[in-house]
């Protein structure tokens, strides 16, 4: 159960219950929203993460600091990931105490691809749609958004980003008119790949080394 400690002293600490954030992704993009009033004190919010189903935990990290890799371990998916947050409130006078109102975090699944070559990589991609509808594949690193609309349930689309070719596994079906004309590119170094829509995906990359 969440508890307050040192309730009547100059410091009060609230610790949340353990929150299950497990998934098949390997990285989370996040949006954090806090609502509080410092008044005559100060409010700090900290997060810690376990990647092994609570067997071990990271150190508490202030939410205002650099947290980009808090949910990431190279080569490890987030299948057993949990998180907690805690609120620390300090009052510096006997006037108006700090007030903490709300904590909200939105997590968006993503993957990291490291282009270890010397040139931009233009991959081959296979996408199988789950349910009829639209889909997006996003490279958060360079801002590219590759979109397809009105794709059938179970349909697999092959995209050759180098040759700018698109093929569907459905007979007599052409998807250029369903495509927004953007072909994914992987920058040299780290690329964070996210998306929208329900689909399975395979990406084949060939990283080119200049001789």
N, C-alpha and C. Protein backbone atom coordinates (compact mmCIF):
# COMPACT_ATOMS: atom_id res chain seq x y z
N UNK A 1 0.84 -1.20 0.00
CA UNK A 1 0.00 0.00 0.00
C UNK A 1 0.87 1.25 0.00
N UNK A 2 0.45 2.32 -0.69
CA UNK A 2 1.18 3.58 -0.64
C UNK A 2 1.20 4.12 0.78
N UNK A 3 2.32 4.68 1.18
CA UNK A 3 2.45 5.17 2.54
C UNK A 3 3.08 6.55 2.56
N UNK A 4 2.76 7.31 3.59
CA UNK A 4 3.42 8.57 3.87
C UNK A 4 4.36 8.32 5.06
N UNK A 5 5.58 8.81 4.98
CA UNK A 5 6.50 8.69 6.11
C UNK A 5 6.87 10.08 6.58
N UNK A 6 7.18 10.17 7.86
CA UNK A 6 7.55 11.45 8.47
C UNK A 6 6.47 12.52 8.21
N UNK A 7 5.23 12.13 8.41
CA UNK A 7 4.10 12.96 8.00
C UNK A 7 4.10 14.32 8.69
N UNK A 8 4.54 14.34 9.94
CA UNK A 8 4.46 15.58 10.70
C UNK A 8 5.82 16.28 10.82
N UNK A 9 6.79 15.84 10.06
CA UNK A 9 8.09 16.51 10.04
C UNK A 9 8.16 17.44 8.86
N UNK A 10 9.34 17.99 8.56
CA UNK A 10 9.49 18.93 7.46
C UNK A 10 9.54 18.23 6.11
N UNK A 11 9.61 16.90 6.11
CA UNK A 11 9.65 16.14 4.86
C UNK A 11 8.58 15.06 4.88
N UNK A 12 7.90 14.93 3.76
CA UNK A 12 6.91 13.86 3.61
C UNK A 12 7.19 13.13 2.30
N UNK A 13 7.08 11.79 2.33
CA UNK A 13 7.39 10.96 1.16
C UNK A 13 6.21 10.05 0.87
N UNK A 14 5.73 10.12 -0.37
CA UNK A 14 4.70 9.20 -0.84
C UNK A 14 5.34 8.28 -1.87
N UNK A 15 5.14 6.97 -1.71
CA UNK A 15 5.68 5.98 -2.65
C UNK A 15 4.52 5.20 -3.27
N UNK A 16 4.48 5.16 -4.60
CA UNK A 16 3.38 4.50 -5.29
C UNK A 16 3.49 2.98 -5.18
N UNK A 17 2.42 2.31 -5.52
CA UNK A 17 2.47 0.87 -5.70
C UNK A 17 3.31 0.55 -6.94
N UNK A 18 3.74 -0.69 -7.07
CA UNK A 18 4.48 -1.12 -8.26
C UNK A 18 3.53 -1.13 -9.46
N UNK A 19 3.98 -0.55 -10.57
CA UNK A 19 3.17 -0.43 -11.78
C UNK A 19 3.76 -1.34 -12.86
N UNK A 20 2.95 -2.23 -13.40
CA UNK A 20 3.40 -3.16 -14.44
C UNK A 20 3.38 -2.45 -15.79
N UNK A 21 4.56 -2.30 -16.42
CA UNK A 21 4.66 -1.67 -17.74
C UNK A 21 5.32 -2.63 -18.73
N UNK A 22 5.18 -3.92 -18.50
CA UNK A 22 5.84 -4.92 -19.35
C UNK A 22 5.22 -4.95 -20.75
N UNK A 23 6.06 -5.27 -21.75
CA UNK A 23 5.62 -5.38 -23.14
C UNK A 23 6.70 -6.09 -23.93
N UNK A 24 6.45 -6.28 -25.24
CA UNK A 24 7.44 -6.89 -26.13
C UNK A 24 8.36 -5.86 -26.78
N UNK A 25 8.18 -4.59 -26.43
CA UNK A 25 9.06 -3.55 -26.97
C UNK A 25 10.40 -3.57 -26.24
N UNK A 26 11.37 -2.80 -26.73
CA UNK A 26 12.66 -2.71 -26.07
C UNK A 26 12.97 -1.29 -25.60
N UNK A 27 12.05 -0.35 -25.87
CA UNK A 27 12.29 1.04 -25.52
C UNK A 27 10.94 1.75 -25.40
N UNK A 28 10.87 2.74 -24.53
CA UNK A 28 9.65 3.52 -24.40
C UNK A 28 9.94 5.00 -24.65
N UNK A 29 9.16 5.60 -25.54
CA UNK A 29 9.04 7.05 -25.58
C UNK A 29 8.04 7.44 -24.51
N UNK A 30 8.23 8.57 -23.89
CA UNK A 30 7.38 8.91 -22.75
C UNK A 30 6.98 10.38 -22.75
N UNK A 31 5.79 10.62 -22.23
CA UNK A 31 5.30 11.96 -21.96
C UNK A 31 4.86 11.98 -20.50
N UNK A 32 5.42 12.88 -19.73
CA UNK A 32 5.16 12.95 -18.29
C UNK A 32 4.49 14.28 -17.97
N UNK A 33 3.40 14.21 -17.22
CA UNK A 33 2.69 15.43 -16.81
C UNK A 33 2.53 15.40 -15.29
N UNK A 34 2.95 16.48 -14.64
CA UNK A 34 2.85 16.61 -13.19
C UNK A 34 2.02 17.84 -12.86
N UNK A 35 1.31 17.76 -11.74
CA UNK A 35 0.58 18.92 -11.24
C UNK A 35 0.86 19.05 -9.75
N UNK A 36 1.48 20.17 -9.35
CA UNK A 36 1.79 20.39 -7.93
C UNK A 36 2.02 21.87 -7.70
N UNK A 37 2.03 22.25 -6.42
CA UNK A 37 2.33 23.62 -6.02
C UNK A 37 3.40 23.58 -4.95
N UNK A 38 4.51 24.28 -5.18
CA UNK A 38 5.59 24.30 -4.19
C UNK A 38 5.23 25.09 -2.94
N UNK A 39 4.48 26.17 -3.10
CA UNK A 39 4.14 27.07 -1.99
C UNK A 39 5.41 27.45 -1.22
N UNK A 40 5.45 27.20 0.10
CA UNK A 40 6.63 27.55 0.89
C UNK A 40 7.55 26.34 1.08
N UNK A 41 7.63 25.51 0.06
CA UNK A 41 8.49 24.33 0.13
C UNK A 41 8.93 23.93 -1.25
N UNK A 42 9.17 22.65 -1.44
CA UNK A 42 9.58 22.14 -2.74
C UNK A 42 9.07 20.72 -2.92
N UNK A 43 8.68 20.40 -4.16
CA UNK A 43 8.19 19.06 -4.50
C UNK A 43 9.15 18.43 -5.49
N UNK A 44 9.64 17.23 -5.20
CA UNK A 44 10.46 16.44 -6.11
C UNK A 44 9.74 15.13 -6.41
N UNK A 45 9.80 14.72 -7.68
CA UNK A 45 9.21 13.44 -8.09
C UNK A 45 10.31 12.59 -8.68
N UNK A 46 10.40 11.34 -8.23
CA UNK A 46 11.44 10.42 -8.67
C UNK A 46 10.84 9.13 -9.19
N UNK A 47 11.57 8.46 -10.10
CA UNK A 47 11.14 7.20 -10.70
C UNK A 47 12.24 6.17 -10.53
N UNK A 48 11.85 4.92 -10.34
CA UNK A 48 12.80 3.82 -10.42
C UNK A 48 12.17 2.69 -11.23
N UNK A 49 13.01 1.83 -11.82
CA UNK A 49 12.55 0.80 -12.74
C UNK A 49 13.21 -0.53 -12.42
N UNK A 50 12.44 -1.60 -12.55
CA UNK A 50 12.97 -2.96 -12.48
C UNK A 50 12.75 -3.64 -13.82
N UNK A 51 13.79 -4.25 -14.36
CA UNK A 51 13.68 -4.98 -15.63
C UNK A 51 13.61 -6.49 -15.42
N UNK A 52 13.59 -6.94 -14.18
CA UNK A 52 13.60 -8.38 -13.90
C UNK A 52 12.51 -8.77 -12.92
N UNK A 53 11.32 -8.17 -13.10
CA UNK A 53 10.14 -8.55 -12.31
C UNK A 53 10.36 -8.32 -10.82
N UNK A 54 10.95 -7.16 -10.47
CA UNK A 54 11.14 -6.68 -9.11
C UNK A 54 12.28 -7.37 -8.35
N UNK A 55 13.09 -8.18 -9.04
CA UNK A 55 14.23 -8.79 -8.36
C UNK A 55 15.27 -7.75 -8.00
N UNK A 56 15.49 -6.80 -8.89
CA UNK A 56 16.41 -5.70 -8.60
C UNK A 56 15.82 -4.42 -9.18
N UNK A 57 16.26 -3.29 -8.63
CA UNK A 57 15.72 -1.99 -9.03
C UNK A 57 16.86 -1.03 -9.37
N UNK A 58 16.57 -0.10 -10.26
CA UNK A 58 17.50 1.01 -10.51
C UNK A 58 17.46 1.96 -9.32
N UNK A 59 18.39 2.89 -9.30
CA UNK A 59 18.34 3.95 -8.30
C UNK A 59 17.17 4.88 -8.62
N UNK A 60 16.68 5.56 -7.58
CA UNK A 60 15.66 6.58 -7.80
C UNK A 60 16.27 7.72 -8.60
N UNK A 61 15.57 8.18 -9.65
CA UNK A 61 16.06 9.28 -10.48
C UNK A 61 15.03 10.39 -10.53
N UNK A 62 15.51 11.62 -10.35
CA UNK A 62 14.61 12.77 -10.39
C UNK A 62 14.00 12.92 -11.77
N UNK A 63 12.71 13.14 -11.81
CA UNK A 63 11.99 13.16 -13.08
C UNK A 63 12.38 14.37 -13.94
N UNK A 64 12.98 15.38 -13.32
CA UNK A 64 13.38 16.57 -14.07
C UNK A 64 14.74 16.41 -14.73
N UNK A 65 15.44 15.31 -14.45
CA UNK A 65 16.74 15.08 -15.04
C UNK A 65 16.61 14.26 -16.32
N UNK A 66 17.74 13.93 -16.93
CA UNK A 66 17.76 13.20 -18.20
C UNK A 66 17.36 11.75 -17.97
N UNK A 67 16.19 11.36 -18.49
CA UNK A 67 15.65 10.02 -18.23
C UNK A 67 15.48 9.21 -19.51
N UNK A 68 16.11 9.59 -20.61
CA UNK A 68 15.85 8.94 -21.90
C UNK A 68 16.11 7.45 -21.89
N UNK A 69 17.12 7.00 -21.17
CA UNK A 69 17.47 5.58 -21.18
C UNK A 69 17.00 4.85 -19.93
N UNK A 70 16.10 5.44 -19.18
CA UNK A 70 15.62 4.82 -17.95
C UNK A 70 14.95 3.48 -18.22
N UNK A 71 14.24 3.36 -19.35
CA UNK A 71 13.50 2.14 -19.66
C UNK A 71 14.24 1.25 -20.65
N UNK A 72 15.53 1.49 -20.86
CA UNK A 72 16.25 0.78 -21.93
C UNK A 72 17.49 0.08 -21.40
N UNK A 73 17.62 -1.21 -21.77
CA UNK A 73 18.87 -1.97 -21.61
C UNK A 73 19.16 -2.62 -22.94
N UNK A 74 20.33 -2.41 -23.48
CA UNK A 74 20.67 -2.87 -24.82
C UNK A 74 20.42 -4.37 -24.96
N UNK A 75 19.61 -4.75 -25.97
CA UNK A 75 19.35 -6.15 -26.26
C UNK A 75 18.31 -6.81 -25.38
N UNK A 76 17.68 -6.05 -24.47
CA UNK A 76 16.71 -6.62 -23.53
C UNK A 76 15.33 -6.03 -23.81
N UNK A 77 14.34 -6.88 -24.04
CA UNK A 77 12.97 -6.40 -24.19
C UNK A 77 12.38 -6.09 -22.82
N UNK A 78 11.23 -5.45 -22.84
CA UNK A 78 10.62 -4.96 -21.60
C UNK A 78 9.60 -5.94 -21.05
N UNK A 79 9.82 -7.24 -21.26
CA UNK A 79 8.84 -8.26 -20.90
C UNK A 79 8.54 -8.32 -19.40
N UNK A 80 9.51 -7.94 -18.56
CA UNK A 80 9.34 -8.08 -17.11
C UNK A 80 9.56 -6.74 -16.39
N UNK A 81 9.22 -5.66 -17.07
CA UNK A 81 9.54 -4.34 -16.55
C UNK A 81 8.43 -3.80 -15.65
N UNK A 82 8.84 -3.25 -14.52
CA UNK A 82 7.94 -2.59 -13.57
C UNK A 82 8.52 -1.22 -13.24
N UNK A 83 7.68 -0.34 -12.72
CA UNK A 83 8.15 0.98 -12.31
C UNK A 83 7.43 1.43 -11.05
N UNK A 84 8.05 2.35 -10.35
CA UNK A 84 7.44 3.05 -9.22
C UNK A 84 7.80 4.52 -9.31
N UNK A 85 6.96 5.35 -8.73
CA UNK A 85 7.35 6.75 -8.55
C UNK A 85 7.14 7.12 -7.09
N UNK A 86 7.86 8.13 -6.66
CA UNK A 86 7.65 8.64 -5.32
C UNK A 86 7.70 10.17 -5.34
N UNK A 87 6.98 10.76 -4.41
CA UNK A 87 6.89 12.20 -4.29
C UNK A 87 7.51 12.60 -2.96
N UNK A 88 8.46 13.52 -3.00
CA UNK A 88 9.13 14.01 -1.80
C UNK A 88 8.78 15.49 -1.66
N UNK A 89 8.17 15.84 -0.54
CA UNK A 89 7.78 17.22 -0.30
C UNK A 89 8.49 17.74 0.95
N UNK A 90 9.16 18.88 0.79
CA UNK A 90 9.84 19.53 1.90
C UNK A 90 9.24 20.91 2.11
N UNK A 91 9.04 21.28 3.37
CA UNK A 91 8.55 22.61 3.69
C UNK A 91 9.63 23.34 4.47
N UNK A 92 9.85 24.60 4.10
CA UNK A 92 10.95 25.37 4.68
C UNK A 92 10.49 26.41 5.69
N UNK A 93 9.19 26.51 5.89
CA UNK A 93 8.67 27.43 6.90
C UNK A 93 7.34 26.88 7.40
N UNK A 94 6.77 27.52 8.40
CA UNK A 94 5.50 27.06 8.95
C UNK A 94 4.33 27.77 8.30
N UNK A 95 4.48 28.07 7.04
CA UNK A 95 3.41 28.76 6.32
C UNK A 95 2.60 27.75 5.52
N UNK A 96 2.62 27.87 4.19
CA UNK A 96 1.79 27.02 3.34
C UNK A 96 2.59 25.82 2.84
N UNK A 97 2.10 24.64 3.10
CA UNK A 97 2.80 23.41 2.70
C UNK A 97 2.70 23.20 1.19
N UNK A 98 3.66 22.46 0.62
CA UNK A 98 3.55 22.07 -0.79
C UNK A 98 2.31 21.18 -1.00
N UNK A 99 1.79 21.19 -2.21
CA UNK A 99 0.62 20.37 -2.56
C UNK A 99 0.94 19.61 -3.84
N UNK A 100 0.82 18.29 -3.77
CA UNK A 100 0.99 17.46 -4.96
C UNK A 100 -0.38 17.01 -5.41
N UNK A 101 -0.68 17.23 -6.72
CA UNK A 101 -2.03 16.95 -7.22
C UNK A 101 -2.11 15.70 -8.08
N UNK A 102 -1.19 15.54 -9.03
CA UNK A 102 -1.33 14.40 -9.93
C UNK A 102 -0.02 14.07 -10.63
N UNK A 103 0.07 12.81 -11.05
CA UNK A 103 1.21 12.30 -11.82
C UNK A 103 0.63 11.49 -12.97
N UNK A 104 1.09 11.77 -14.20
CA UNK A 104 0.63 11.03 -15.37
C UNK A 104 1.81 10.75 -16.28
N UNK A 105 1.95 9.50 -16.70
CA UNK A 105 2.99 9.14 -17.65
C UNK A 105 2.38 8.30 -18.77
N UNK A 106 2.61 8.72 -20.01
CA UNK A 106 2.18 7.96 -21.19
C UNK A 106 3.42 7.35 -21.82
N UNK A 107 3.38 6.03 -22.06
CA UNK A 107 4.51 5.31 -22.63
C UNK A 107 4.14 4.80 -24.02
N UNK A 108 5.04 5.01 -24.98
CA UNK A 108 4.83 4.57 -26.35
C UNK A 108 5.97 3.63 -26.74
N UNK A 109 5.60 2.40 -27.11
CA UNK A 109 6.61 1.39 -27.42
C UNK A 109 7.44 1.73 -28.65
N UNK A 110 8.73 1.38 -28.59
CA UNK A 110 9.64 1.68 -29.70
C UNK A 110 10.79 0.69 -29.69
N UNK A 111 11.59 0.77 -30.75
CA UNK A 111 12.81 -0.03 -30.86
C UNK A 111 13.96 0.88 -31.24
N UNK A 112 15.16 0.46 -30.89
CA UNK A 112 16.36 1.18 -31.30
C UNK A 112 17.10 0.37 -32.35
N UNK A 113 17.47 1.02 -33.44
CA UNK A 113 18.30 0.40 -34.47
C UNK A 113 19.56 1.26 -34.61
N UNK A 114 20.72 0.62 -34.50
CA UNK A 114 21.98 1.33 -34.61
C UNK A 114 22.58 1.09 -35.99
N UNK A 115 22.65 2.12 -36.78
CA UNK A 115 23.30 2.05 -38.08
C UNK A 115 24.80 2.18 -37.86
N UNK A 116 25.49 1.07 -37.95
CA UNK A 116 26.93 1.06 -37.69
C UNK A 116 27.75 1.32 -38.95
N UNK A 117 27.08 1.64 -40.04
CA UNK A 117 27.78 1.90 -41.29
C UNK A 117 28.21 3.35 -41.43
N UNK A 118 28.65 3.69 -42.64
CA UNK A 118 29.13 5.04 -42.95
C UNK A 118 28.15 5.83 -43.79
N UNK A 119 27.01 5.23 -44.13
CA UNK A 119 26.03 5.89 -44.96
C UNK A 119 24.64 5.67 -44.39
N UNK A 120 23.69 6.52 -44.81
CA UNK A 120 22.29 6.31 -44.46
C UNK A 120 21.83 4.96 -45.01
N UNK A 121 21.11 4.22 -44.19
CA UNK A 121 20.61 2.90 -44.60
C UNK A 121 19.15 3.01 -45.03
N UNK A 122 18.83 2.40 -46.16
CA UNK A 122 17.46 2.36 -46.67
C UNK A 122 17.01 0.90 -46.65
N UNK A 123 16.28 0.51 -45.60
CA UNK A 123 16.03 -0.92 -45.35
C UNK A 123 14.94 -1.52 -46.22
N UNK A 124 14.84 -2.85 -46.15
CA UNK A 124 13.68 -3.58 -46.66
C UNK A 124 12.76 -3.87 -45.48
N UNK A 125 11.46 -3.73 -45.69
CA UNK A 125 10.50 -3.85 -44.59
C UNK A 125 9.33 -4.72 -45.02
N UNK A 126 8.96 -5.64 -44.15
CA UNK A 126 7.74 -6.44 -44.33
C UNK A 126 6.78 -6.08 -43.21
N UNK A 127 5.56 -5.69 -43.56
CA UNK A 127 4.54 -5.31 -42.58
C UNK A 127 3.30 -6.16 -42.80
N UNK A 128 2.86 -6.86 -41.75
CA UNK A 128 1.63 -7.63 -41.80
C UNK A 128 0.58 -6.94 -40.94
N UNK A 129 -0.52 -6.54 -41.56
CA UNK A 129 -1.55 -5.77 -40.86
C UNK A 129 -2.46 -6.68 -40.06
N UNK A 130 -2.73 -6.29 -38.82
CA UNK A 130 -3.69 -6.99 -37.96
C UNK A 130 -4.95 -6.14 -37.87
N UNK A 131 -6.00 -6.53 -38.58
CA UNK A 131 -7.21 -5.74 -38.63
C UNK A 131 -7.12 -4.68 -39.72
N UNK A 132 -8.26 -4.37 -40.33
CA UNK A 132 -8.30 -3.38 -41.40
C UNK A 132 -8.02 -1.99 -40.85
N UNK A 133 -7.26 -1.18 -41.63
CA UNK A 133 -7.05 0.20 -41.19
C UNK A 133 -5.74 0.78 -41.67
N UNK A 134 -5.36 1.88 -41.01
CA UNK A 134 -4.16 2.63 -41.36
C UNK A 134 -3.00 2.23 -40.46
N UNK A 135 -1.79 2.58 -40.90
CA UNK A 135 -0.61 2.32 -40.08
C UNK A 135 0.44 3.39 -40.36
N UNK A 136 1.31 3.57 -39.38
CA UNK A 136 2.43 4.49 -39.50
C UNK A 136 3.69 3.84 -38.95
N UNK A 137 4.82 4.11 -39.60
CA UNK A 137 6.12 3.71 -39.11
C UNK A 137 6.97 4.98 -39.03
N UNK A 138 7.50 5.26 -37.84
CA UNK A 138 8.11 6.56 -37.57
C UNK A 138 9.57 6.38 -37.15
N UNK A 139 10.46 7.14 -37.77
CA UNK A 139 11.83 7.27 -37.28
C UNK A 139 11.88 8.55 -36.45
N UNK A 140 11.86 8.40 -35.13
CA UNK A 140 11.84 9.55 -34.24
C UNK A 140 13.13 10.36 -34.33
N UNK A 141 14.20 9.73 -34.83
CA UNK A 141 15.49 10.39 -34.90
C UNK A 141 15.53 11.46 -35.98
N UNK A 142 14.97 11.17 -37.14
CA UNK A 142 15.00 12.16 -38.22
C UNK A 142 13.63 12.73 -38.57
N UNK A 143 12.59 12.27 -37.87
CA UNK A 143 11.26 12.82 -38.07
C UNK A 143 10.47 12.23 -39.22
N UNK A 144 11.01 11.23 -39.91
CA UNK A 144 10.28 10.61 -41.02
C UNK A 144 9.06 9.82 -40.53
N UNK A 145 7.95 9.95 -41.25
CA UNK A 145 6.74 9.17 -40.96
C UNK A 145 6.29 8.51 -42.25
N UNK A 146 6.38 7.20 -42.31
CA UNK A 146 5.90 6.43 -43.46
C UNK A 146 4.49 5.94 -43.14
N UNK A 147 3.53 6.28 -44.00
CA UNK A 147 2.12 5.97 -43.74
C UNK A 147 1.51 5.13 -44.85
N UNK A 148 0.62 4.24 -44.44
CA UNK A 148 -0.25 3.52 -45.37
C UNK A 148 -1.67 3.61 -44.84
N UNK A 149 -2.63 3.72 -45.72
CA UNK A 149 -4.03 3.78 -45.32
C UNK A 149 -4.83 2.64 -45.96
N UNK A 150 -5.88 2.24 -45.26
CA UNK A 150 -6.85 1.26 -45.76
C UNK A 150 -6.18 -0.06 -46.16
N UNK A 151 -5.39 -0.62 -45.26
CA UNK A 151 -4.73 -1.90 -45.49
C UNK A 151 -5.59 -3.01 -44.90
N UNK A 152 -5.71 -4.12 -45.63
CA UNK A 152 -6.60 -5.19 -45.23
C UNK A 152 -6.04 -6.03 -44.09
N UNK A 153 -6.94 -6.63 -43.33
CA UNK A 153 -6.55 -7.54 -42.26
C UNK A 153 -5.78 -8.73 -42.84
N UNK A 154 -4.61 -9.01 -42.28
CA UNK A 154 -3.80 -10.14 -42.72
C UNK A 154 -2.93 -9.86 -43.93
N UNK A 155 -3.08 -8.71 -44.54
CA UNK A 155 -2.29 -8.36 -45.73
C UNK A 155 -0.84 -8.05 -45.34
N UNK A 156 0.09 -8.55 -46.13
CA UNK A 156 1.51 -8.25 -45.92
C UNK A 156 2.00 -7.34 -47.04
N UNK A 157 2.64 -6.26 -46.64
CA UNK A 157 3.20 -5.30 -47.59
C UNK A 157 4.72 -5.38 -47.50
N UNK A 158 5.36 -5.46 -48.65
CA UNK A 158 6.82 -5.42 -48.74
C UNK A 158 7.24 -4.05 -49.26
N UNK A 159 8.17 -3.39 -48.55
CA UNK A 159 8.66 -2.07 -48.96
C UNK A 159 10.17 -2.13 -49.10
N UNK A 160 10.66 -1.84 -50.30
CA UNK A 160 12.09 -1.70 -50.54
C UNK A 160 12.39 -0.20 -50.55
N UNK A 161 12.94 0.30 -49.45
CA UNK A 161 13.16 1.74 -49.33
C UNK A 161 14.29 2.23 -50.21
N UNK A 162 15.20 1.35 -50.61
CA UNK A 162 16.29 1.73 -51.51
C UNK A 162 15.75 1.93 -52.93
N UNK A 163 14.97 0.99 -53.39
CA UNK A 163 14.43 1.05 -54.77
C UNK A 163 13.09 1.76 -54.83
N UNK A 164 12.54 2.12 -53.67
CA UNK A 164 11.23 2.77 -53.58
C UNK A 164 10.16 1.93 -54.27
N UNK A 165 10.14 0.67 -53.86
CA UNK A 165 9.21 -0.30 -54.43
C UNK A 165 8.26 -0.79 -53.34
N UNK A 166 7.01 -1.02 -53.68
CA UNK A 166 6.00 -1.51 -52.73
C UNK A 166 5.24 -2.65 -53.38
N UNK A 167 5.10 -3.76 -52.67
CA UNK A 167 4.34 -4.90 -53.17
C UNK A 167 3.44 -5.45 -52.08
N UNK A 168 2.26 -5.87 -52.47
CA UNK A 168 1.32 -6.52 -51.57
C UNK A 168 1.26 -8.01 -51.89
N UNK A 169 0.96 -8.83 -50.85
CA UNK A 169 0.82 -10.26 -51.12
C UNK A 169 -0.58 -10.60 -51.63
N UNK A 170 -1.45 -9.61 -51.75
CA UNK A 170 -2.77 -9.84 -52.32
C UNK A 170 -2.70 -9.71 -53.84
N UNK A 171 -3.36 -10.60 -54.57
CA UNK A 171 -3.31 -10.54 -56.04
C UNK A 171 -3.93 -9.26 -56.59
N UNK A 172 -3.30 -8.72 -57.61
CA UNK A 172 -3.80 -7.54 -58.32
C UNK A 172 -4.06 -6.36 -57.38
N UNK A 173 -3.23 -6.25 -56.37
CA UNK A 173 -3.38 -5.16 -55.39
C UNK A 173 -2.11 -4.31 -55.38
N UNK A 174 -2.27 -3.03 -55.60
CA UNK A 174 -1.13 -2.11 -55.66
C UNK A 174 -1.35 -1.02 -54.60
N UNK A 175 -0.30 -0.74 -53.84
CA UNK A 175 -0.48 0.11 -52.67
C UNK A 175 0.22 1.47 -52.76
N UNK A 176 0.68 1.85 -53.94
CA UNK A 176 1.31 3.17 -54.06
C UNK A 176 0.33 4.30 -53.73
N UNK A 177 -0.92 4.13 -54.12
CA UNK A 177 -1.91 5.16 -53.82
C UNK A 177 -2.33 5.18 -52.36
N UNK A 178 -1.99 4.13 -51.62
CA UNK A 178 -2.28 4.08 -50.18
C UNK A 178 -1.10 4.58 -49.35
N UNK A 179 -0.04 4.97 -50.02
CA UNK A 179 1.23 5.32 -49.37
C UNK A 179 1.45 6.83 -49.46
N UNK A 180 2.08 7.42 -48.45
CA UNK A 180 2.29 8.87 -48.44
C UNK A 180 3.57 9.32 -49.14
N UNK A 181 4.28 8.37 -49.77
CA UNK A 181 5.47 8.73 -50.54
C UNK A 181 6.76 8.81 -49.75
N UNK A 182 6.71 8.53 -48.45
CA UNK A 182 7.91 8.56 -47.60
C UNK A 182 8.45 7.14 -47.46
N UNK A 183 9.76 6.98 -47.73
CA UNK A 183 10.43 5.69 -47.54
C UNK A 183 11.44 5.85 -46.41
N UNK A 184 11.39 4.91 -45.47
CA UNK A 184 12.17 5.02 -44.24
C UNK A 184 13.67 5.03 -44.51
N UNK A 185 14.38 5.91 -43.81
CA UNK A 185 15.83 5.96 -43.84
C UNK A 185 16.36 5.89 -42.41
N UNK A 186 17.47 5.17 -42.25
CA UNK A 186 18.11 5.05 -40.95
C UNK A 186 19.39 5.87 -40.94
N UNK A 187 19.43 6.86 -40.08
CA UNK A 187 20.60 7.72 -39.99
C UNK A 187 21.81 6.96 -39.43
N UNK A 188 23.00 7.46 -39.66
CA UNK A 188 24.20 6.87 -39.07
C UNK A 188 24.09 7.01 -37.55
N UNK A 189 24.32 5.92 -36.83
CA UNK A 189 24.19 5.93 -35.38
C UNK A 189 22.83 5.45 -34.93
N UNK A 190 22.33 6.00 -33.84
CA UNK A 190 21.10 5.53 -33.22
C UNK A 190 19.86 6.03 -33.93
N UNK A 191 18.90 5.12 -34.14
CA UNK A 191 17.59 5.45 -34.68
C UNK A 191 16.52 4.87 -33.76
N UNK A 192 15.58 5.69 -33.36
CA UNK A 192 14.47 5.25 -32.52
C UNK A 192 13.24 5.09 -33.41
N UNK A 193 12.73 3.86 -33.49
CA UNK A 193 11.64 3.52 -34.41
C UNK A 193 10.37 3.25 -33.61
N UNK A 194 9.32 3.99 -33.92
CA UNK A 194 8.02 3.78 -33.28
C UNK A 194 6.96 3.68 -34.37
N UNK A 195 5.71 3.62 -33.98
CA UNK A 195 4.66 3.53 -34.98
C UNK A 195 3.28 3.58 -34.37
N UNK A 196 2.27 3.60 -35.23
CA UNK A 196 0.86 3.55 -34.82
C UNK A 196 0.13 2.56 -35.73
N UNK A 197 -0.87 1.90 -35.16
CA UNK A 197 -1.59 0.88 -35.90
C UNK A 197 -1.15 -0.49 -35.43
N UNK A 198 -2.02 -1.47 -35.62
CA UNK A 198 -1.75 -2.83 -35.17
C UNK A 198 -1.14 -3.63 -36.33
N UNK A 199 0.15 -3.95 -36.22
CA UNK A 199 0.81 -4.72 -37.27
C UNK A 199 2.06 -5.39 -36.74
N UNK A 200 2.48 -6.44 -37.44
CA UNK A 200 3.76 -7.10 -37.18
C UNK A 200 4.74 -6.65 -38.26
N UNK A 201 6.02 -6.59 -37.89
CA UNK A 201 6.98 -6.00 -38.81
C UNK A 201 8.34 -6.70 -38.74
N UNK A 202 8.96 -6.81 -39.89
CA UNK A 202 10.35 -7.26 -39.99
C UNK A 202 11.12 -6.21 -40.77
N UNK A 203 12.27 -5.80 -40.25
CA UNK A 203 13.13 -4.84 -40.94
C UNK A 203 14.47 -5.51 -41.24
N UNK A 204 14.88 -5.47 -42.50
CA UNK A 204 16.18 -6.01 -42.92
C UNK A 204 17.09 -4.84 -43.28
N UNK A 205 18.23 -4.76 -42.60
CA UNK A 205 19.15 -3.63 -42.79
C UNK A 205 20.50 -4.12 -43.30
N UNK A 206 21.07 -3.36 -44.20
CA UNK A 206 22.43 -3.62 -44.66
C UNK A 206 23.23 -2.33 -44.48
N UNK A 207 24.15 -2.34 -43.53
CA UNK A 207 24.92 -1.15 -43.21
C UNK A 207 26.20 -1.13 -44.04
N UNK A 208 26.40 -0.06 -44.80
CA UNK A 208 27.49 0.02 -45.76
C UNK A 208 28.70 0.72 -45.14
N UNK A 209 29.85 0.07 -45.31
CA UNK A 209 31.12 0.62 -44.84
C UNK A 209 31.92 1.13 -46.04
N UNK A 210 32.34 2.38 -45.96
CA UNK A 210 33.15 2.95 -47.04
C UNK A 210 34.60 2.49 -46.92
N UNK A 211 35.16 2.04 -48.01
CA UNK A 211 36.55 1.56 -48.02
C UNK A 211 37.51 2.68 -48.39
